[in-house]
PDB file of N, CA and C in Angstrom:
ATOM      1  N   MET A   1      57.925 -15.184  20.934  1.00  0.00           N
ATOM      2  CA  MET A   1      56.538 -15.390  21.271  1.00  0.00           C
ATOM      3  C   MET A   1      56.390 -16.513  22.297  1.00  0.00           C
ATOM      4  N   GLU A   2      57.187 -17.545  22.184  1.00  0.00           N
ATOM      5  CA  GLU A   2      57.124 -18.649  23.136  1.00  0.00           C
ATOM      6  C   GLU A   2      57.450 -18.169  24.544  1.00  0.00           C
ATOM      7  N   LEU A   3      58.428 -17.288  24.669  1.00  0.00           N
ATOM      8  CA  LEU A   3      58.793 -16.752  25.976  1.00  0.00           C
ATOM      9  C   LEU A   3      57.622 -15.984  26.572  1.00  0.00           C
ATOM     10  N   GLU A   4      56.950 -15.192  25.756  1.00  0.00           N
ATOM     11  CA  GLU A   4      55.807 -14.425  26.250  1.00  0.00           C
ATOM     12  C   GLU A   4      54.697 -15.357  26.734  1.00  0.00           C
ATOM     13  N   GLU A   5      54.459 -16.439  26.029  1.00  0.00           N
ATOM     14  CA  GLU A   5      53.439 -17.400  26.444  1.00  0.00           C
ATOM     15  C   GLU A   5      53.803 -18.037  27.781  1.00  0.00           C
ATOM     16  N   ARG A   6      55.061 -18.328  27.971  1.00  0.00           N
ATOM     17  CA  ARG A   6      55.508 -18.898  29.248  1.00  0.00           C
ATOM     18  C   ARG A   6      55.329 -17.910  30.386  1.00  0.00           C
ATOM     19  N   VAL A   7      55.700 -16.652  30.126  1.00  0.00           N
ATOM     20  CA  VAL A   7      55.556 -15.613  31.157  1.00  0.00           C
ATOM     21  C   VAL A   7      54.081 -15.419  31.479  1.00  0.00           C
ATOM     22  N   GLU A   8      53.235 -15.404  30.459  1.00  0.00           N
ATOM     23  CA  GLU A   8      51.797 -15.264  30.683  1.00  0.00           C
ATOM     24  C   GLU A   8      51.273 -16.419  31.538  1.00  0.00           C
ATOM     25  N   SER A   9      51.723 -17.613  31.257  1.00  0.00           N
ATOM     26  CA  SER A   9      51.279 -18.781  32.013  1.00  0.00           C
ATOM     27  C   SER A   9      51.695 -18.684  33.481  1.00  0.00           C
ATOM     28  N   VAL A  10      52.914 -18.259  33.722  1.00  0.00           N
ATOM     29  CA  VAL A  10      53.397 -18.099  35.102  1.00  0.00           C
ATOM     30  C   VAL A  10      52.606 -16.997  35.811  1.00  0.00           C
ATOM     31  N   GLU A  11      52.367 -15.900  35.115  1.00  0.00           N
ATOM     32  CA  GLU A  11      51.595 -14.805  35.695  1.00  0.00           C
ATOM     33  C   GLU A  11      50.164 -15.256  36.007  1.00  0.00           C
ATOM     34  N   PHE A  12      49.576 -16.033  35.100  1.00  0.00           N
ATOM     35  CA  PHE A  12      48.224 -16.536  35.327  1.00  0.00           C
ATOM     36  C   PHE A  12      48.181 -17.420  36.564  1.00  0.00           C
ATOM     37  N   ASP A  13      49.142 -18.314  36.687  1.00  0.00           N
ATOM     38  CA  ASP A  13      49.183 -19.203  37.854  1.00  0.00           C
ATOM     39  C   ASP A  13      49.282 -18.412  39.148  1.00  0.00           C
ATOM     40  N   GLY A  14      50.120 -17.377  39.162  1.00  0.00           N
ATOM     41  CA  GLY A  14      50.255 -16.532  40.347  1.00  0.00           C
ATOM     42  C   GLY A  14      48.981 -15.766  40.649  1.00  0.00           C
ATOM     43  N   TRP A  15      48.359 -15.268  39.591  1.00  0.00           N
ATOM     44  CA  TRP A  15      47.102 -14.530  39.742  1.00  0.00           C
ATOM     45  C   TRP A  15      46.021 -15.442  40.315  1.00  0.00           C
ATOM     46  N   MET A  16      45.917 -16.651  39.764  1.00  0.00           N
ATOM     47  CA  MET A  16      44.915 -17.607  40.246  1.00  0.00           C
ATOM     48  C   MET A  16      45.158 -17.944  41.715  1.00  0.00           C
ATOM     49  N   ALA A  17      46.400 -18.124  42.090  1.00  0.00           N
ATOM     50  CA  ALA A  17      46.727 -18.475  43.470  1.00  0.00           C
ATOM     51  C   ALA A  17      46.344 -17.353  44.431  1.00  0.00           C
ATOM     52  N   SER A  18      46.311 -16.121  43.931  1.00  0.00           N
ATOM     53  CA  SER A  18      45.997 -14.985  44.793  1.00  0.00           C
ATOM     54  C   SER A  18      44.494 -14.768  44.964  1.00  0.00           C
ATOM     55  N   LEU A  19      43.678 -15.434  44.159  1.00  0.00           N
ATOM     56  CA  LEU A  19      42.231 -15.233  44.214  1.00  0.00           C
ATOM     57  C   LEU A  19      41.570 -16.173  45.219  1.00  0.00           C
ATOM     58  N   THR A  20      40.643 -15.625  45.946  1.00  0.00           N
ATOM     59  CA  THR A  20      39.825 -16.475  46.811  1.00  0.00           C
ATOM     60  C   THR A  20      38.765 -17.169  45.956  1.00  0.00           C
ATOM     61  N   HIS A  21      38.165 -18.187  46.517  1.00  0.00           N
ATOM     62  CA  HIS A  21      37.082 -18.901  45.826  1.00  0.00           C
ATOM     63  C   HIS A  21      35.956 -17.923  45.477  1.00  0.00           C
ATOM     64  N   GLU A  22      35.630 -17.051  46.399  1.00  0.00           N
ATOM     65  CA  GLU A  22      34.555 -16.084  46.195  1.00  0.00           C
ATOM     66  C   GLU A  22      34.895 -15.114  45.066  1.00  0.00           C
ATOM     67  N   LYS A  23      36.142 -14.671  45.022  1.00  0.00           N
ATOM     68  CA  LYS A  23      36.557 -13.732  43.979  1.00  0.00           C
ATOM     69  C   LYS A  23      36.500 -14.397  42.606  1.00  0.00           C
ATOM     70  N   ARG A  24      36.870 -15.659  42.526  1.00  0.00           N
ATOM     71  CA  ARG A  24      36.797 -16.382  41.246  1.00  0.00           C
ATOM     72  C   ARG A  24      35.363 -16.429  40.747  1.00  0.00           C
ATOM     73  N   ILE A  25      34.426 -16.686  41.661  1.00  0.00           N
ATOM     74  CA  ILE A  25      33.011 -16.735  41.278  1.00  0.00           C
ATOM     75  C   ILE A  25      32.507 -15.348  40.900  1.00  0.00           C
ATOM     76  N   GLU A  26      33.000 -14.329  41.589  1.00  0.00           N
ATOM     77  CA  GLU A  26      32.608 -12.957  41.270  1.00  0.00           C
ATOM     78  C   GLU A  26      33.072 -12.582  39.859  1.00  0.00           C
ATOM     79  N   LEU A  27      34.310 -12.941  39.517  1.00  0.00           N
ATOM     80  CA  LEU A  27      34.860 -12.598  38.203  1.00  0.00           C
ATOM     81  C   LEU A  27      34.192 -13.384  37.083  1.00  0.00           C
ATOM     82  N   VAL A  28      33.964 -14.669  37.328  1.00  0.00           N
ATOM     83  CA  VAL A  28      33.334 -15.550  36.338  1.00  0.00           C
ATOM     84  C   VAL A  28      32.247 -16.338  37.071  1.00  0.00           C
ATOM     85  N   PRO A  29      31.017 -15.845  37.001  1.00  0.00           N
ATOM     86  CA  PRO A  29      29.937 -16.537  37.706  1.00  0.00           C
ATOM     87  C   PRO A  29      29.787 -17.988  37.246  1.00  0.00           C
ATOM     88  N   ALA A  30      29.421 -18.836  38.178  1.00  0.00           N
ATOM     89  CA  ALA A  30      29.231 -20.254  37.885  1.00  0.00           C
ATOM     90  C   ALA A  30      28.027 -20.447  36.976  1.00  0.00           C
ATOM     91  N   THR A  31      28.117 -21.447  36.110  1.00  0.00           N
ATOM     92  CA  THR A  31      27.003 -21.839  35.258  1.00  0.00           C
ATOM     93  C   THR A  31      26.828 -23.353  35.388  1.00  0.00           C
ATOM     94  N   ASP A  32      25.800 -23.872  34.742  1.00  0.00           N
ATOM     95  CA  ASP A  32      25.600 -25.321  34.751  1.00  0.00           C
ATOM     96  C   ASP A  32      26.768 -26.048  34.101  1.00  0.00           C
ATOM     97  N   PHE A  33      27.422 -25.391  33.154  1.00  0.00           N
ATOM     98  CA  PHE A  33      28.511 -26.014  32.410  1.00  0.00           C
ATOM     99  C   PHE A  33      29.894 -25.665  32.959  1.00  0.00           C
ATOM    100  N   ALA A  34      29.950 -24.668  33.807  1.00  0.00           N
ATOM    101  CA  ALA A  34      31.245 -24.232  34.339  1.00  0.00           C
ATOM    102  C   ALA A  34      31.123 -23.960  35.833  1.00  0.00           C
ATOM    103  N   LYS A  35      31.164 -25.015  36.595  1.00  0.00           N
ATOM    104  CA  LYS A  35      31.099 -24.897  38.047  1.00  0.00           C
ATOM    105  C   LYS A  35      32.486 -24.534  38.586  1.00  0.00           C
ATOM    106  N   PRO A  36      32.552 -23.736  39.645  1.00  0.00           N
ATOM    107  CA  PRO A  36      33.844 -23.346  40.205  1.00  0.00           C
ATOM    108  C   PRO A  36      34.742 -24.554  40.463  1.00  0.00           C
ATOM    109  N   GLY A  37      35.973 -24.439  40.029  1.00  0.00           N
ATOM    110  CA  GLY A  37      36.941 -25.507  40.190  1.00  0.00           C
ATOM    111  C   GLY A  37      36.980 -26.470  39.017  1.00  0.00           C
ATOM    112  N   SER A  38      35.989 -26.383  38.142  1.00  0.00           N
ATOM    113  CA  SER A  38      35.957 -27.272  36.981  1.00  0.00           C
ATOM    114  C   SER A  38      36.884 -26.752  35.885  1.00  0.00           C
ATOM    115  N   GLN A  39      37.198 -27.623  34.952  1.00  0.00           N
ATOM    116  CA  GLN A  39      38.050 -27.233  33.820  1.00  0.00           C
ATOM    117  C   GLN A  39      37.410 -26.089  33.033  1.00  0.00           C
ATOM    118  N   GLY A  40      36.091 -26.169  32.816  1.00  0.00           N
ATOM    119  CA  GLY A  40      35.389 -25.112  32.078  1.00  0.00           C
ATOM    120  C   GLY A  40      35.481 -23.763  32.768  1.00  0.00           C
ATOM    121  N   HIS A  41      35.347 -23.766  34.080  1.00  0.00           N
ATOM    122  CA  HIS A  41      35.440 -22.510  34.832  1.00  0.00           C
ATOM    123  C   HIS A  41      36.860 -21.952  34.766  1.00  0.00           C
ATOM    124  N   ASN A  42      37.854 -22.830  34.857  1.00  0.00           N
ATOM    125  CA  ASN A  42      39.239 -22.383  34.764  1.00  0.00           C
ATOM    126  C   ASN A  42      39.554 -21.809  33.385  1.00  0.00           C
ATOM    127  N   VAL A  43      38.969 -22.390  32.338  1.00  0.00           N
ATOM    128  CA  VAL A  43      39.160 -21.851  30.983  1.00  0.00           C
ATOM    129  C   VAL A  43      38.569 -20.449  30.899  1.00  0.00           C
ATOM    130  N   GLN A  44      37.409 -20.257  31.494  1.00  0.00           N
ATOM    131  CA  GLN A  44      36.795 -18.932  31.482  1.00  0.00           C
ATOM    132  C   GLN A  44      37.616 -17.930  32.290  1.00  0.00           C
ATOM    133  N   LEU A  45      38.186 -18.376  33.401  1.00  0.00           N
ATOM    134  CA  LEU A  45      39.060 -17.490  34.181  1.00  0.00           C
ATOM    135  C   LEU A  45      40.312 -17.128  33.372  1.00  0.00           C
ATOM    136  N   LYS A  46      40.843 -18.073  32.612  1.00  0.00           N
ATOM    137  CA  LYS A  46      42.015 -17.808  31.771  1.00  0.00           C
ATOM    138  C   LYS A  46      41.671 -16.752  30.724  1.00  0.00           C
ATOM    139  N   GLU A  47      40.490 -16.850  30.131  1.00  0.00           N
ATOM    140  CA  GLU A  47      40.048 -15.851  29.158  1.00  0.00           C
ATOM    141  C   GLU A  47      39.904 -14.477  29.814  1.00  0.00           C
ATOM    142  N   TYR A  48      39.333 -14.461  31.011  1.00  0.00           N
ATOM    143  CA  TYR A  48      39.212 -13.208  31.750  1.00  0.00           C
ATOM    144  C   TYR A  48      40.592 -12.610  31.981  1.00  0.00           C
ATOM    145  N   PHE A  49      41.516 -13.440  32.415  1.00  0.00           N
ATOM    146  CA  PHE A  49      42.883 -12.988  32.671  1.00  0.00           C
ATOM    147  C   PHE A  49      43.493 -12.392  31.403  1.00  0.00           C
ATOM    148  N   ARG A  50      43.371 -13.097  30.292  1.00  0.00           N
ATOM    149  CA  ARG A  50      43.953 -12.628  29.023  1.00  0.00           C
ATOM    150  C   ARG A  50      43.379 -11.289  28.579  1.00  0.00           C
ATOM    151  N   GLU A  51      42.083 -11.109  28.783  1.00  0.00           N
ATOM    152  CA  GLU A  51      41.425  -9.893  28.317  1.00  0.00           C
ATOM    153  C   GLU A  51      41.582  -8.715  29.277  1.00  0.00           C
ATOM    154  N   LYS A  52      41.490  -8.981  30.564  1.00  0.00           N
ATOM    155  CA  LYS A  52      41.412  -7.888  31.543  1.00  0.00           C
ATOM    156  C   LYS A  52      42.682  -7.652  32.359  1.00  0.00           C
ATOM    157  N   VAL A  53      43.435  -8.698  32.629  1.00  0.00           N
ATOM    158  CA  VAL A  53      44.577  -8.585  33.550  1.00  0.00           C
ATOM    159  C   VAL A  53      45.906  -8.581  32.804  1.00  0.00           C
ATOM    160  N   TRP A  54      46.066  -9.488  31.866  1.00  0.00           N
ATOM    161  CA  TRP A  54      47.348  -9.679  31.191  1.00  0.00           C
ATOM    162  C   TRP A  54      47.851  -8.431  30.461  1.00  0.00           C
ATOM    163  N   PRO A  55      47.031  -7.675  29.757  1.00  0.00           N
ATOM    164  CA  PRO A  55      47.579  -6.503  29.047  1.00  0.00           C
ATOM    165  C   PRO A  55      48.369  -5.548  29.956  1.00  0.00           C
ATOM    166  N   ASP A  56      47.845  -5.255  31.141  1.00  0.00           N
ATOM    167  CA  ASP A  56      48.554  -4.364  32.066  1.00  0.00           C
ATOM    168  C   ASP A  56      49.821  -5.021  32.611  1.00  0.00           C
ATOM    169  N   ARG A  57      49.714  -6.283  32.975  1.00  0.00           N
ATOM    170  CA  ARG A  57      50.894  -6.998  33.494  1.00  0.00           C
ATOM    171  C   ARG A  57      51.971  -7.103  32.423  1.00  0.00           C
ATOM    172  N   ARG A  58      51.555  -7.388  31.205  1.00  0.00           N
ATOM    173  CA  ARG A  58      52.503  -7.506  30.093  1.00  0.00           C
ATOM    174  C   ARG A  58      53.246  -6.186  29.890  1.00  0.00           C
ATOM    175  N   GLN A  59      52.506  -5.108  29.901  1.00  0.00           N
ATOM    176  CA  GLN A  59      53.116  -3.787  29.712  1.00  0.00           C
ATOM    177  C   GLN A  59      54.113  -3.489  30.835  1.00  0.00           C
ATOM    178  N   LYS A  60      53.774  -3.806  32.068  1.00  0.00           N
ATOM    179  CA  LYS A  60      54.679  -3.564  33.201  1.00  0.00           C
ATOM    180  C   LYS A  60      55.939  -4.406  33.077  1.00  0.00           C
ATOM    181  N   ILE A  61      55.756  -5.658  32.701  1.00  0.00           N
ATOM    182  CA  ILE A  61      56.911  -6.546  32.560  1.00  0.00           C
ATOM    183  C   ILE A  61      57.827  -6.053  31.447  1.00  0.00           C
ATOM    184  N   CYS A  62      57.247  -5.678  30.328  1.00  0.00           N
ATOM    185  CA  CYS A  62      58.054  -5.202  29.196  1.00  0.00           C
ATOM    186  C   CYS A  62      58.763  -3.891  29.525  1.00  0.00           C
ATOM    187  N   SER A  63      58.101  -3.004  30.233  1.00  0.00           N
ATOM    188  CA  SER A  63      58.747  -1.740  30.579  1.00  0.00           C
ATOM    189  C   SER A  63      59.877  -1.962  31.579  1.00  0.00           C
ATOM    190  N   ASN A  64      59.733  -2.955  32.464  1.00  0.00           N
ATOM    191  CA  ASN A  64      60.811  -3.278  33.397  1.00  0.00           C
ATOM    192  C   ASN A  64      62.015  -3.867  32.675  1.00  0.00           C
ATOM    193  N   LEU A  65      61.776  -4.599  31.612  1.00  0.00           N
ATOM    194  CA  LEU A  65      62.861  -5.192  30.835  1.00  0.00           C
ATOM    195  C   LEU A  65      63.643  -4.132  30.065  1.00  0.00           C
ATOM    196  N   GLU A  66      62.988  -3.057  29.691  1.00  0.00           N
ATOM    197  CA  GLU A  66      63.621  -1.993  28.921  1.00  0.00           C
ATOM    198  C   GLU A  66      64.535  -1.131  29.773  1.00  0.00           C
ATOM    199  N   THR A  67      64.312  -1.099  31.076  1.00  0.00           N
ATOM    200  CA  THR A  67      65.127  -0.240  31.941  1.00  0.00           C
ATOM    201  C   THR A  67      66.340  -0.947  32.459  1.00  0.00           C
TER     202      THR A  67
END
């Protein structure tokens, strides 16, 4: 499980690096409590990643390991 968490973290970092500022706001709109670039906004982006992006990436990574 620890290995999976590390892989998820690396994948998240790569995913974040690939997003433009505009795309980040599109995925997680800014609020009074979570302005773009803030810790709160990054936490919300991490949740988005876990729910919407990570399942597909995880499946691809695991299937590549099996071959």
